[in-house]
């Protein structure tokens, strides 16, 4: 970089030492300007955190248990007669009505059996009529020969033959009447077998997928399972309750016999709450010695057919009432070296670390059995940015919801 040349006049320049002196004066002025521009840095603002106030009130404690949904009533559809499956008159996986025709088995062999049974019954009735006529003739012969035999007008052998004929006619009539009863029973059985060829829905409910397609032989040496129909509304929900909880409920029920069974909630697999409440309807007779639990069944309405058999869910119900429970948001409780801790604030907004003993949960809060008191403030957001002894700026709204500074 070349130094500037100052001209005094036409063709004259300043000496080099004047130029050097001017450069030194400019450098000193620049350093003075930089020194004057350095000012003390402003103190950093306190760290912002979100706090909540510790509450104290009486709350119910809820129990969540894994449950399985099942139909209150389930009926298996089986082929009760042998034959080829001809028709399927329903849509699989849809609702059916009681008495609705579902399957039809080939009826022709059974219609023939019914016709044959009717013919046998007619023949048996004709035999009865013939036996009655024979008995009537034998009775008349006995009545005619009896006085004649007393007067010895006819041989005694004729009377004895007439009496024997009467006894034979009576036996023939009894046999004929028995044949009528048998033929009538065969007809009833044949008509019953014919009726089994048409399989109808035994209840209103939901039918599943067919296990046998039309064209297959069914009912041969076994009652072939065709399908299953289950009642849709209401549904049963089964779950197991630990023995200790059962004892607690039993004692509480003895103390307050006027209380009715508590409403139950159903939490579905997607964590949504089923809109209808349920109530317990029965408990198993004995304790399961392998799991030390009692099996309990609750009944839930199912008007929208949302619940299906073999679904899994969680059943929730109030287990007990806790008086004057100390409550803090679940977000405030952290784990540190196998201990549960919370960050609290003093009146001067100074951070303090507190070890607590948490208990059951209530909604989005935790019941603290030991370590906190009503009215204290705890940090629920921003714990990772603080340490004990720091002064912070408490907020009562989530930091993520605050408008960003421009």
Protein backbone atom coordinates (compact mmCIF):
# COMPACT_ATOMS: atom_id res chain seq x y z
CA UNK A 1 0.00 0.00 0.00
CA UNK A 2 1.58 3.36 -1.01
CA UNK A 3 1.47 6.28 1.37
CA UNK A 4 -0.44 9.41 0.29
CA UNK A 5 1.61 12.33 -0.90
CA UNK A 6 0.59 15.80 0.32
CA UNK A 7 1.36 18.59 -2.03
CA UNK A 8 2.14 22.15 -0.75
CA UNK A 9 2.05 23.67 -4.04
CA UNK A 10 2.77 23.13 -7.66
CA UNK A 11 5.38 20.36 -7.95
CA UNK A 12 6.19 20.29 -4.22
CA UNK A 13 5.62 17.33 -1.79
CA UNK A 14 5.74 16.98 2.03
CA UNK A 15 8.85 15.43 3.63
CA UNK A 16 8.72 11.76 4.65
CA UNK A 17 8.87 12.43 8.39
CA UNK A 18 5.72 14.52 8.23
CA UNK A 19 3.93 11.65 6.60
CA UNK A 20 5.17 9.22 9.30
CA UNK A 21 4.02 11.55 12.07
CA UNK A 22 0.55 11.76 10.58
CA UNK A 23 0.31 7.95 10.48
CA UNK A 24 1.27 7.59 14.15
CA UNK A 25 -1.29 10.17 15.23
CA UNK A 26 -4.05 8.29 13.31
CA UNK A 27 -3.15 4.94 14.92
CA UNK A 28 -3.23 6.41 18.44
CA UNK A 29 -6.65 7.91 17.74
CA UNK A 30 -8.00 4.57 16.50
CA UNK A 31 -6.79 2.69 19.60
CA UNK A 32 -8.36 5.30 21.86
CA UNK A 33 -11.63 4.91 19.98
CA UNK A 34 -11.57 1.09 20.40
CA UNK A 35 -10.81 1.37 24.13
CA UNK A 36 -13.69 3.77 24.63
CA UNK A 37 -16.10 1.39 22.83
CA UNK A 38 -15.55 -1.47 25.35
CA UNK A 39 -18.37 -1.32 27.97
CA UNK A 40 -19.28 -3.76 30.77
CA UNK A 41 -21.49 -6.73 29.46
CA UNK A 42 -25.09 -6.85 30.78
CA UNK A 43 -25.94 -9.72 33.23
CA UNK A 44 -27.79 -12.76 31.64
CA UNK A 45 -31.52 -12.95 32.50
CA UNK A 46 -32.67 -15.73 34.86
CA UNK A 47 -33.56 -19.05 33.20
CA UNK A 48 -37.27 -19.34 32.45
CA UNK A 49 -39.06 -22.42 33.82
CA UNK A 50 -42.68 -23.53 34.11
CA UNK A 51 -43.94 -24.15 37.64
CA UNK A 52 -47.06 -25.61 39.22
CA UNK A 53 -48.44 -25.33 42.73
CA UNK A 54 -48.76 -28.46 44.88
CA UNK A 55 -52.43 -29.26 45.56
CA UNK A 56 -54.08 -31.21 48.33
CA UNK A 57 -57.52 -32.78 48.07
CA UNK A 58 -59.43 -36.05 48.35
CA UNK A 59 -59.17 -38.08 45.16
CA UNK A 60 -60.20 -41.56 43.98
CA UNK A 61 -57.47 -44.01 43.09
CA UNK A 62 -58.18 -45.99 39.94
CA UNK A 63 -57.02 -49.48 39.06
CA UNK A 64 -56.14 -50.48 35.51
CA UNK A 65 -56.24 -54.19 34.66
CA UNK A 66 -55.71 -56.05 31.40
CA UNK A 67 -59.01 -57.49 30.14
CA UNK A 68 -60.33 -59.63 27.30
CA UNK A 69 -63.60 -58.97 25.53
CA UNK A 70 -65.95 -61.84 24.81
CA UNK A 71 -69.53 -62.35 23.71
CA UNK A 72 -72.10 -62.81 26.45
CA UNK A 73 -73.62 -65.67 24.45
CA UNK A 74 -71.98 -67.74 21.70
CA UNK A 75 -73.70 -70.53 19.71
CA UNK A 76 -71.98 -73.01 17.38
CA UNK A 77 -73.79 -73.96 14.18
CA UNK A 78 -73.31 -77.67 13.42
CA UNK A 79 -74.65 -80.07 10.81
CA UNK A 80 -76.95 -82.48 12.67
CA UNK A 81 -77.63 -84.70 9.64
CA UNK A 82 -75.36 -86.09 6.95
CA UNK A 83 -75.57 -84.69 3.44
CA UNK A 84 -74.12 -82.32 0.90
CA UNK A 85 -74.18 -78.63 1.82
CA UNK A 86 -76.24 -76.99 -0.92
CA UNK A 87 -76.73 -73.32 0.05
CA UNK A 88 -75.29 -70.53 2.17
CA UNK A 89 -77.82 -67.72 2.52
CA UNK A 90 -76.01 -64.98 4.44
CA UNK A 91 -73.02 -62.63 4.27
CA UNK A 92 -70.08 -63.63 6.41
CA UNK A 93 -69.15 -61.25 9.21
CA UNK A 94 -72.57 -59.57 9.25
CA UNK A 95 -75.45 -59.45 11.71
CA UNK A 96 -78.15 -62.11 11.44
CA UNK A 97 -81.61 -62.34 12.97
CA UNK A 98 -83.04 -65.21 14.99
CA UNK A 99 -84.80 -67.68 12.66
CA UNK A 100 -82.99 -66.45 9.54
CA UNK A 101 -82.05 -69.29 7.15
CA UNK A 102 -78.26 -69.67 7.04
CA UNK A 103 -77.45 -73.06 5.46
CA UNK A 104 -79.40 -75.69 3.53
CA UNK A 105 -78.32 -79.35 3.34
CA UNK A 106 -79.58 -81.57 0.51
CA UNK A 107 -83.20 -82.30 1.49
CA UNK A 108 -84.14 -84.96 -1.07
CA UNK A 109 -82.99 -88.07 0.89
CA UNK A 110 -84.82 -86.88 3.98
CA UNK A 111 -87.96 -85.97 2.07
CA UNK A 112 -87.97 -89.55 0.78
CA UNK A 113 -87.60 -90.87 4.32
CA UNK A 114 -90.54 -88.74 5.44
CA UNK A 115 -92.67 -90.12 2.59
CA UNK A 116 -91.66 -93.68 3.48
CA UNK A 117 -92.45 -93.09 7.15
CA UNK A 118 -95.88 -91.77 6.24
CA UNK A 119 -96.54 -94.90 4.16
CA UNK A 120 -95.43 -97.14 7.02
CA UNK A 121 -97.75 -95.30 9.34
CA UNK A 122 -100.65 -95.80 6.92
CA UNK A 123 -99.95 -99.51 6.69
CA UNK A 124 -99.75 -99.80 10.47
CA UNK A 125 -103.10 -98.06 10.84
CA UNK A 126 -104.63 -100.47 8.29
CA UNK A 127 -103.30 -103.40 10.31
CA UNK A 128 -104.97 -101.96 13.36
CA UNK A 129 -108.28 -101.78 11.54
CA UNK A 130 -107.85 -105.39 10.41
CA UNK A 131 -106.96 -106.53 13.91
CA UNK A 132 -110.00 -104.73 15.32
CA UNK A 133 -112.24 -106.54 12.82
CA UNK A 134 -110.69 -109.90 13.66
CA UNK A 135 -111.13 -109.25 17.37
CA UNK A 136 -114.75 -108.23 16.87
CA UNK A 137 -115.48 -111.47 14.95
CA UNK A 138 -113.76 -113.57 17.64
CA UNK A 139 -115.80 -111.89 20.37
CA UNK A 140 -119.02 -112.60 18.49
CA UNK A 141 -118.05 -116.26 18.01
CA UNK A 142 -117.37 -116.62 21.74
CA UNK A 143 -120.68 -114.93 22.60
CA UNK A 144 -122.59 -117.26 20.23
CA UNK A 145 -120.91 -120.53 21.24
CA UNK A 146 -120.90 -120.01 25.03
CA UNK A 147 -124.67 -120.68 25.64
CA UNK A 148 -124.69 -123.49 23.10
CA UNK A 149 -121.77 -125.22 24.78
CA UNK A 150 -123.62 -125.04 28.15
CA UNK A 151 -126.57 -126.81 26.59
CA UNK A 152 -124.17 -129.19 24.88
CA UNK A 153 -125.63 -128.13 21.54
CA UNK A 154 -122.07 -127.71 20.17
CA UNK A 155 -118.88 -129.45 21.09
CA UNK A 156 -116.82 -127.79 23.88
CA UNK A 157 -113.87 -127.81 21.49
CA UNK A 158 -115.61 -125.27 19.27
CA UNK A 159 -115.97 -122.89 22.20
CA UNK A 160 -112.34 -123.37 23.22
CA UNK A 161 -111.22 -122.63 19.66
CA UNK A 162 -113.31 -119.44 19.64
CA UNK A 163 -111.79 -118.33 22.95
CA UNK A 164 -108.26 -118.97 21.63
CA UNK A 165 -109.09 -117.03 18.48
CA UNK A 166 -110.24 -114.09 20.60
CA UNK A 167 -106.98 -114.07 22.54
CA UNK A 168 -105.00 -114.17 19.29
CA UNK A 169 -107.05 -111.28 17.88
CA UNK A 170 -106.36 -109.24 21.03
CA UNK A 171 -102.62 -109.87 20.67
CA UNK A 172 -102.72 -108.98 16.99
CA UNK A 173 -104.48 -105.72 17.81
CA UNK A 174 -101.89 -104.81 20.44
CA UNK A 175 -99.10 -105.55 17.98
CA UNK A 176 -100.82 -103.49 15.30
CA UNK A 177 -101.24 -100.55 17.69
CA UNK A 178 -97.56 -100.84 18.65
CA UNK A 179 -96.65 -100.78 14.98
CA UNK A 180 -98.67 -97.60 14.61
CA UNK A 181 -96.77 -95.97 17.50
CA UNK A 182 -93.45 -97.02 15.97
CA UNK A 183 -94.43 -95.76 12.52
CA UNK A 184 -95.58 -92.48 14.04
CA UNK A 185 -92.23 -92.11 15.89
CA UNK A 186 -90.32 -92.91 12.69
CA UNK A 187 -92.31 -90.21 10.93
CA UNK A 188 -91.52 -87.67 13.65
CA UNK A 189 -87.82 -88.54 13.45
CA UNK A 190 -87.86 -88.31 9.67
CA UNK A 191 -89.55 -84.92 9.78
CA UNK A 192 -87.06 -83.80 12.44
CA UNK A 193 -84.12 -84.90 10.28
CA UNK A 194 -85.68 -83.06 7.35
CA UNK A 195 -85.94 -79.92 9.47
CA UNK A 196 -82.24 -80.23 10.36
CA UNK A 197 -81.46 -79.79 6.66
CA UNK A 198 -82.37 -76.10 7.08
CA UNK A 199 -80.04 -74.42 9.61
CA UNK A 200 -81.35 -71.13 11.00
CA UNK A 201 -79.87 -68.51 13.31
CA UNK A 202 -80.58 -69.48 16.94
CA UNK A 203 -80.10 -65.90 18.22
CA UNK A 204 -79.73 -62.34 16.99
CA UNK A 205 -76.01 -61.78 16.64
CA UNK A 206 -72.88 -61.57 14.55
CA UNK A 207 -71.95 -64.52 12.37
CA UNK A 208 -68.38 -65.37 11.44
CA UNK A 209 -66.68 -66.90 8.43
CA UNK A 210 -67.96 -70.22 7.13
CA UNK A 211 -65.76 -73.20 7.92
CA UNK A 212 -67.33 -75.37 5.17
CA UNK A 213 -68.20 -74.24 1.66
CA UNK A 214 -71.31 -75.39 -0.27
CA UNK A 215 -70.74 -78.65 -2.14
CA UNK A 216 -68.95 -80.39 0.72
CA UNK A 217 -70.28 -83.42 2.56
CA UNK A 218 -71.12 -82.58 6.16
CA UNK A 219 -72.44 -84.44 9.16
CA UNK A 220 -70.91 -87.77 8.14
CA UNK A 221 -70.18 -89.62 11.40
CA UNK A 222 -69.85 -86.26 13.20
CA UNK A 223 -71.72 -83.03 13.75
CA UNK A 224 -69.61 -80.81 11.47
CA UNK A 225 -68.98 -77.28 12.76
CA UNK A 226 -70.18 -74.81 10.11
CA UNK A 227 -69.98 -71.42 11.81
CA UNK A 228 -70.45 -69.50 15.06
CA UNK A 229 -72.94 -66.80 16.02
CA UNK A 230 -72.28 -64.52 18.98
CA UNK A 231 -74.50 -62.00 20.73
CA UNK A 232 -73.42 -58.44 19.88
CA UNK A 233 -75.02 -56.40 22.63
CA UNK A 234 -74.11 -56.46 25.48
CA UNK A 235 -70.55 -57.80 25.64
CA UNK A 236 -68.67 -59.35 28.54
CA UNK A 237 -65.23 -58.16 29.64
CA UNK A 238 -63.17 -60.60 31.72
CA UNK A 239 -60.22 -59.61 33.90
CA UNK A 240 -58.31 -60.91 36.91
CA UNK A 241 -58.01 -59.00 40.16
CA UNK A 242 -55.21 -59.70 42.68
CA UNK A 243 -56.17 -61.37 45.91
CA UNK A 244 -55.02 -58.39 48.00
CA UNK A 245 -57.32 -56.04 46.07
CA UNK A 246 -60.17 -58.51 46.43
CA UNK A 247 -59.73 -58.49 50.20
CA UNK A 248 -59.74 -54.69 50.23
CA UNK A 249 -62.96 -54.58 48.22
CA UNK A 250 -64.59 -57.27 50.36
CA UNK A 251 -63.83 -55.38 53.58
CA UNK A 252 -65.01 -52.08 52.16
CA UNK A 253 -68.21 -53.73 50.92
CA UNK A 254 -68.87 -55.08 54.42
CA UNK A 255 -68.35 -51.64 55.94
CA UNK A 256 -70.61 -49.88 53.44
CA UNK A 257 -73.35 -52.24 52.30
CA UNK A 258 -75.36 -49.39 50.81
CA UNK A 259 -72.77 -48.70 48.10
CA UNK A 260 -73.49 -50.00 44.61
CA UNK A 261 -70.93 -51.49 42.23
CA UNK A 262 -68.74 -48.79 40.70
CA UNK A 263 -68.97 -47.86 37.03
CA UNK A 264 -66.09 -49.20 34.98
CA UNK A 265 -64.29 -47.65 32.03
CA UNK A 266 -62.83 -49.56 29.11
CA UNK A 267 -59.56 -48.39 27.54
CA UNK A 268 -59.22 -49.81 24.04
CA UNK A 269 -56.04 -50.85 22.22
CA UNK A 270 -55.56 -47.36 20.69
CA UNK A 271 -55.76 -45.80 24.21
CA UNK A 272 -59.18 -44.34 23.47
CA UNK A 273 -61.84 -44.48 26.19
CA UNK A 274 -64.90 -46.54 25.26
CA UNK A 275 -67.94 -44.20 25.46
CA UNK A 276 -70.17 -46.58 27.45
CA UNK A 277 -69.71 -47.52 31.11
CA UNK A 278 -69.82 -51.09 32.36
CA UNK A 279 -70.60 -52.84 35.64
CA UNK A 280 -69.33 -56.04 37.20
CA UNK A 281 -71.84 -58.89 36.99
CA UNK A 282 -70.04 -61.90 38.44
CA UNK A 283 -66.84 -63.20 40.04
CA UNK A 284 -65.42 -66.68 39.86
CA UNK A 285 -66.19 -69.11 42.65
CA UNK A 286 -62.57 -69.88 43.54
CA UNK A 287 -59.14 -68.27 43.58
CA UNK A 288 -56.72 -69.20 40.81
CA UNK A 289 -53.90 -70.72 42.86
CA UNK A 290 -51.37 -70.26 40.06
CA UNK A 291 -51.82 -66.51 39.70
CA UNK A 292 -53.41 -65.68 43.10
CA UNK A 293 -56.20 -63.78 41.36
CA UNK A 294 -59.96 -63.87 41.06
CA UNK A 295 -61.60 -63.82 37.64
CA UNK A 296 -64.23 -61.07 37.34
CA UNK A 297 -66.69 -60.42 34.50
CA UNK A 298 -68.10 -56.98 33.67
CA UNK A 299 -70.90 -56.22 31.23
CA UNK A 300 -70.62 -53.34 28.72
CA UNK A 301 -73.27 -52.10 26.27
CA UNK A 302 -72.29 -52.48 22.62
CA UNK A 303 -74.96 -50.68 20.57
CA UNK A 304 -72.51 -49.68 17.81
CA UNK A 305 -70.91 -53.17 17.54
CA UNK A 306 -67.47 -51.63 18.17
CA UNK A 307 -66.49 -54.40 20.56
CA UNK A 308 -65.70 -57.83 19.14
CA UNK A 309 -64.88 -61.14 20.83
CA UNK A 310 -61.22 -61.73 21.77
CA UNK A 311 -60.26 -58.05 21.70
CA UNK A 312 -57.86 -56.95 24.42
CA UNK A 313 -58.39 -53.80 26.46
CA UNK A 314 -57.84 -52.34 29.93
CA UNK A 315 -60.64 -52.02 32.43
CA UNK A 316 -60.44 -49.06 34.82
CA UNK A 317 -62.42 -48.55 38.02
CA UNK A 318 -62.04 -46.65 41.33
CA UNK A 319 -60.21 -48.76 43.88
CA UNK A 320 -60.38 -46.43 46.91
CA UNK A 321 -60.60 -42.81 48.13
CA UNK A 322 -57.47 -41.09 49.50
CA UNK A 323 -58.14 -38.24 51.89
CA UNK A 324 -56.05 -35.04 51.65
CA UNK A 325 -53.78 -36.42 48.94
CA UNK A 326 -50.79 -34.24 47.92
CA UNK A 327 -50.81 -33.92 44.13
CA UNK A 328 -48.13 -32.80 41.66
CA UNK A 329 -48.05 -33.08 37.85
CA UNK A 330 -46.41 -36.24 36.60
CA UNK A 331 -43.96 -34.15 34.54
CA UNK A 332 -42.48 -32.73 37.74
CA UNK A 333 -41.27 -36.10 39.05
CA UNK A 334 -37.90 -37.33 37.76
CA UNK A 335 -35.62 -40.21 38.58
CA UNK A 336 -32.12 -39.55 39.86
CA UNK A 337 -29.84 -42.32 41.12
CA UNK A 338 -32.77 -44.69 41.70
CA UNK A 339 -34.63 -42.03 43.67
CA UNK A 340 -37.64 -39.93 42.72
CA UNK A 341 -36.93 -36.19 42.91
CA UNK A 342 -38.57 -32.86 42.08
CA UNK A 343 -37.18 -29.34 41.73
CA UNK A 344 -38.89 -26.86 44.04
CA UNK A 345 -38.69 -23.06 44.28
CA UNK A 346 -38.17 -20.98 47.38
CA UNK A 347 -40.04 -17.67 47.81
CA UNK A 348 -36.94 -16.01 46.30
CA UNK A 349 -37.24 -18.23 43.19
CA UNK A 350 -34.17 -20.24 44.13
CA UNK A 351 -34.05 -23.84 42.92
CA UNK A 352 -33.93 -26.68 45.46
CA UNK A 353 -33.77 -30.43 44.88
CA UNK A 354 -36.25 -32.51 46.89
CA UNK A 355 -36.53 -36.31 47.22
CA UNK A 356 -40.14 -37.53 47.24
CA UNK A 357 -42.05 -40.77 47.73
CA UNK A 358 -44.65 -41.07 44.94
CA UNK A 359 -47.77 -43.19 45.15
CA UNK A 360 -50.70 -43.83 42.83
CA UNK A 361 -51.60 -41.64 39.86
CA UNK A 362 -54.72 -39.54 39.47
CA UNK A 363 -55.43 -38.28 35.93
CA UNK A 364 -52.17 -36.49 34.91
CA UNK A 365 -50.88 -36.08 38.47
CA UNK A 366 -49.03 -38.16 41.03
CA UNK A 367 -49.93 -38.60 44.67
CA UNK A 368 -46.84 -37.75 46.75
CA UNK A 369 -46.83 -39.64 50.03
CA UNK A 370 -43.77 -37.92 51.46
CA UNK A 371 -41.53 -34.97 50.57
CA UNK A 372 -43.92 -32.14 49.61
CA UNK A 373 -46.58 -29.99 51.20
CA UNK A 374 -49.56 -28.07 49.93
CA UNK A 375 -48.76 -24.70 48.37
CA UNK A 376 -45.15 -25.43 47.40
CA UNK A 377 -44.05 -24.74 43.85
CA UNK A 378 -42.44 -27.38 41.66
CA UNK A 379 -40.82 -27.10 38.25
CA UNK A 380 -42.71 -29.01 35.55
CA UNK A 381 -40.83 -27.79 32.46
CA UNK A 382 -37.19 -26.79 32.09
CA UNK A 383 -35.68 -29.11 34.73
CA UNK A 384 -32.71 -29.93 32.50
CA UNK A 385 -31.66 -26.27 32.43
CA UNK A 386 -31.48 -25.72 36.20
CA UNK A 387 -29.41 -26.84 39.16
CA UNK A 388 -29.87 -26.37 42.92
CA UNK A 389 -29.17 -22.82 44.07
CA UNK A 390 -29.98 -21.11 40.76
CA UNK A 391 -32.32 -18.14 40.57
CA UNK A 392 -34.95 -18.74 37.87
CA UNK A 393 -37.84 -16.90 36.29
CA UNK A 394 -41.02 -18.91 36.99
CA UNK A 395 -43.81 -19.09 34.41
CA UNK A 396 -47.22 -20.68 34.74
CA UNK A 397 -47.66 -21.49 31.04
CA UNK A 398 -45.71 -23.94 28.86
CA UNK A 399 -42.67 -22.31 27.36
CA UNK A 400 -43.53 -23.78 23.96
CA UNK A 401 -46.77 -21.80 23.88
CA UNK A 402 -45.13 -18.40 24.50
CA UNK A 403 -44.67 -16.15 21.42
CA UNK A 404 -41.13 -16.03 20.12
CA UNK A 405 -39.20 -12.79 20.49
CA UNK A 406 -38.49 -10.93 17.25
